[in-house]
Amino acid sequence: MPELQYIAYTSTASRPIVDADLRYLLADARHFNAGVDLTGILLFNGLAFFQYLEGTPKACAAVMARIRSSSLHHSIYELSCDAVDGRRFGDWRMGCTWVDDEARWLALHDPSLWTTRVDNPAPCEGLALLTGFWEASMGVP
C-alpha cells in the first residue's frame, strides 16, 4: 500500500460563489482526483472553504498546485499535513457540503443526515480542524 498523507486547508472566496460555480468546481475536482487517486471533503459556508484531502504525497502536491492556481479563492492557508494510516473518505473523490441556513436547520433537527462512514476512524489533527470549521459554521459553541 502506498504511503498516504492528508492536507487540511482553508481559503476565502474571491467573489460570491453560486451553485453553478460550486457544481463546476466539484465536477472538475472529482475528475482530476479520480486520475490521481485522491479523496476528501469540501465544506463551504458562503465565504470560506475548508478542505480535507487524502492521497499519496505526489497526488496531494498535484492537487494543491491546482488549488493555488484557482481564481475562485485566495488566502489559502495549509493548516495541517501529516501521514495517515488509511483513508477517512475512501469512497469520496470529493464530498461537499454547502453550510447554509438549510444545512444548519437540518443539522439541528437530524444530525444523522451529516454523518459519514469513516473508513479509518483513527483521529488526526486534520479531522479535528474539519470538525471545528463545521461547528463554527453551524454556530456550535
Protein backbone atom coordinates (compact mmCIF):
# COMPACT_ATOMS: atom_id res chain seq x y z
CA MET A 1 0.00 0.00 0.00
CA PRO A 2 1.45 3.41 -0.92
CA GLU A 3 2.20 5.95 1.78
CA LEU A 4 -0.76 8.23 2.43
CA GLN A 5 -1.00 11.73 3.80
CA TYR A 6 -3.70 14.27 4.43
CA ILE A 7 -3.77 18.02 3.95
CA ALA A 8 -6.28 20.31 5.64
CA TYR A 9 -6.51 23.87 4.37
CA THR A 10 -8.82 26.85 4.40
CA SER A 11 -9.29 29.66 1.90
CA THR A 12 -11.51 32.67 1.26
CA ALA A 13 -13.84 33.01 -1.73
CA SER A 14 -12.64 35.65 -4.21
CA ARG A 15 -16.19 36.57 -5.17
CA PRO A 16 -19.73 35.42 -4.41
CA ILE A 17 -19.97 31.71 -5.26
CA VAL A 18 -23.24 30.48 -6.77
CA ASP A 19 -24.47 26.91 -7.13
CA ALA A 20 -23.23 26.68 -10.73
CA ASP A 21 -19.70 27.67 -9.63
CA LEU A 22 -19.66 25.01 -6.95
CA ARG A 23 -21.08 22.34 -9.29
CA TYR A 24 -18.39 23.12 -11.89
CA LEU A 25 -15.63 23.13 -9.26
CA LEU A 26 -16.79 19.76 -7.92
CA ALA A 27 -17.11 18.12 -11.34
CA ASP A 28 -13.64 19.31 -12.31
CA ALA A 29 -12.12 18.28 -8.96
CA ARG A 30 -13.75 14.84 -8.97
CA HIS A 31 -12.44 14.15 -12.47
CA PHE A 32 -8.90 15.24 -11.56
CA ASN A 33 -8.97 13.48 -8.18
CA ALA A 34 -10.00 10.19 -9.78
CA GLY A 35 -6.95 10.39 -12.04
CA VAL A 36 -4.51 10.84 -9.15
CA ASP A 37 -6.41 8.66 -6.61
CA LEU A 38 -7.18 11.50 -4.21
CA THR A 39 -10.19 11.58 -1.88
CA GLY A 40 -11.63 14.09 0.56
CA ILE A 41 -14.34 16.51 1.52
CA LEU A 42 -15.03 20.20 0.93
CA LEU A 43 -17.07 22.44 3.21
CA PHE A 44 -18.17 25.88 2.06
CA ASN A 45 -20.02 28.40 4.23
CA GLY A 46 -20.61 31.14 1.67
CA LEU A 47 -17.37 32.96 2.49
CA ALA A 48 -14.72 30.37 3.23
CA PHE A 49 -13.72 26.93 2.03
CA PHE A 50 -12.34 24.19 4.25
CA GLN A 51 -10.98 21.11 2.58
CA TYR A 52 -9.58 17.84 3.88
CA LEU A 53 -7.69 15.88 1.20
CA GLU A 54 -6.02 12.47 1.37
CA GLY A 55 -3.76 10.63 -1.03
CA THR A 56 -0.14 9.96 -1.81
CA PRO A 57 2.28 12.85 -1.25
CA LYS A 58 2.58 13.20 -5.04
CA ALA A 59 -1.22 13.37 -5.50
CA CYS A 60 -1.59 15.88 -2.65
CA ALA A 61 1.14 18.09 -4.13
CA ALA A 62 -0.50 17.96 -7.58
CA VAL A 63 -3.94 18.92 -6.30
CA MET A 64 -2.58 21.68 -4.05
CA ALA A 65 -0.83 23.20 -7.09
CA ARG A 66 -4.20 23.26 -8.90
CA ILE A 67 -5.93 24.72 -5.86
CA ARG A 68 -3.35 27.50 -5.51
CA SER A 69 -3.85 28.48 -9.16
CA SER A 70 -7.66 28.69 -8.91
CA SER A 71 -9.24 32.14 -9.20
CA LEU A 72 -12.25 31.13 -7.08
CA HIS A 73 -10.40 31.70 -3.84
CA HIS A 74 -7.40 33.36 -2.21
CA SER A 75 -5.66 33.39 1.18
CA ILE A 76 -5.02 29.67 1.05
CA TYR A 77 -3.67 28.50 4.40
CA GLU A 78 -2.43 24.97 4.89
CA LEU A 79 -3.50 24.18 8.44
CA SER A 80 -2.15 20.67 8.81
CA CYS A 81 -0.41 17.99 6.78
CA ASP A 82 0.76 14.61 8.02
CA ALA A 83 0.96 10.91 7.24
CA VAL A 84 -2.17 8.81 7.87
CA ASP A 85 -2.64 5.07 8.24
CA GLY A 86 -5.65 4.94 5.94
CA ARG A 87 -8.29 6.95 4.16
CA ARG A 88 -11.15 8.52 6.08
CA PHE A 89 -13.16 9.34 2.92
CA GLY A 90 -12.10 6.46 0.67
CA ASP A 91 -15.30 6.42 -1.39
CA TRP A 92 -15.45 10.19 -1.92
CA ARG A 93 -13.49 11.72 -4.83
CA MET A 94 -14.78 14.97 -3.36
CA GLY A 95 -17.66 15.06 -0.94
CA CYS A 96 -19.13 18.52 -0.45
CA THR A 97 -21.48 20.36 1.83
CA TRP A 98 -22.54 23.96 1.41
CA VAL A 99 -23.04 25.08 5.00
CA ASP A 100 -26.02 27.42 4.79
CA ASP A 101 -29.20 28.14 6.73
CA GLU A 102 -30.87 24.96 5.45
CA ALA A 103 -27.83 22.91 6.45
CA ARG A 104 -27.92 24.47 9.92
CA TRP A 105 -31.60 23.60 10.27
CA LEU A 106 -31.08 20.02 9.13
CA ALA A 107 -28.10 19.52 11.41
CA LEU A 108 -30.04 20.82 14.39
CA HIS A 109 -33.07 18.66 13.64
CA ASP A 110 -31.45 15.49 12.29
CA PRO A 111 -27.69 15.27 12.88
CA SER A 112 -27.65 11.78 11.33
CA LEU A 113 -28.01 13.44 7.91
CA TRP A 114 -24.48 14.83 8.27
CA THR A 115 -22.63 11.71 9.39
CA THR A 116 -20.43 9.72 7.07
CA ARG A 117 -19.00 6.27 7.18
CA VAL A 118 -15.39 6.68 8.16
CA ASP A 119 -13.05 4.13 6.61
CA ASN A 120 -10.43 4.58 9.32
CA PRO A 121 -11.67 6.26 12.47
CA ALA A 122 -8.23 6.94 13.98
CA PRO A 123 -8.17 10.63 14.95
CA CYS A 124 -5.86 13.14 13.29
CA GLU A 125 -5.40 16.89 13.53
CA GLY A 126 -6.91 17.45 10.07
CA LEU A 127 -10.21 15.84 11.07
CA ALA A 128 -10.28 17.89 14.27
CA LEU A 129 -9.86 21.04 12.15
CA LEU A 130 -12.60 19.89 9.77
CA THR A 131 -14.94 19.36 12.71
CA GLY A 132 -14.04 22.77 14.12
CA PHE A 133 -14.84 24.53 10.83
CA TRP A 134 -18.13 22.66 10.58
CA GLU A 135 -19.12 23.52 14.15
CA ALA A 136 -18.15 27.19 13.74
CA SER A 137 -20.21 27.39 10.53
CA MET A 138 -23.13 25.75 12.32
CA GLY A 139 -22.91 28.14 15.28
CA VAL A 140 -22.00 25.39 17.74
CA PRO A 141 -20.32 26.88 20.85
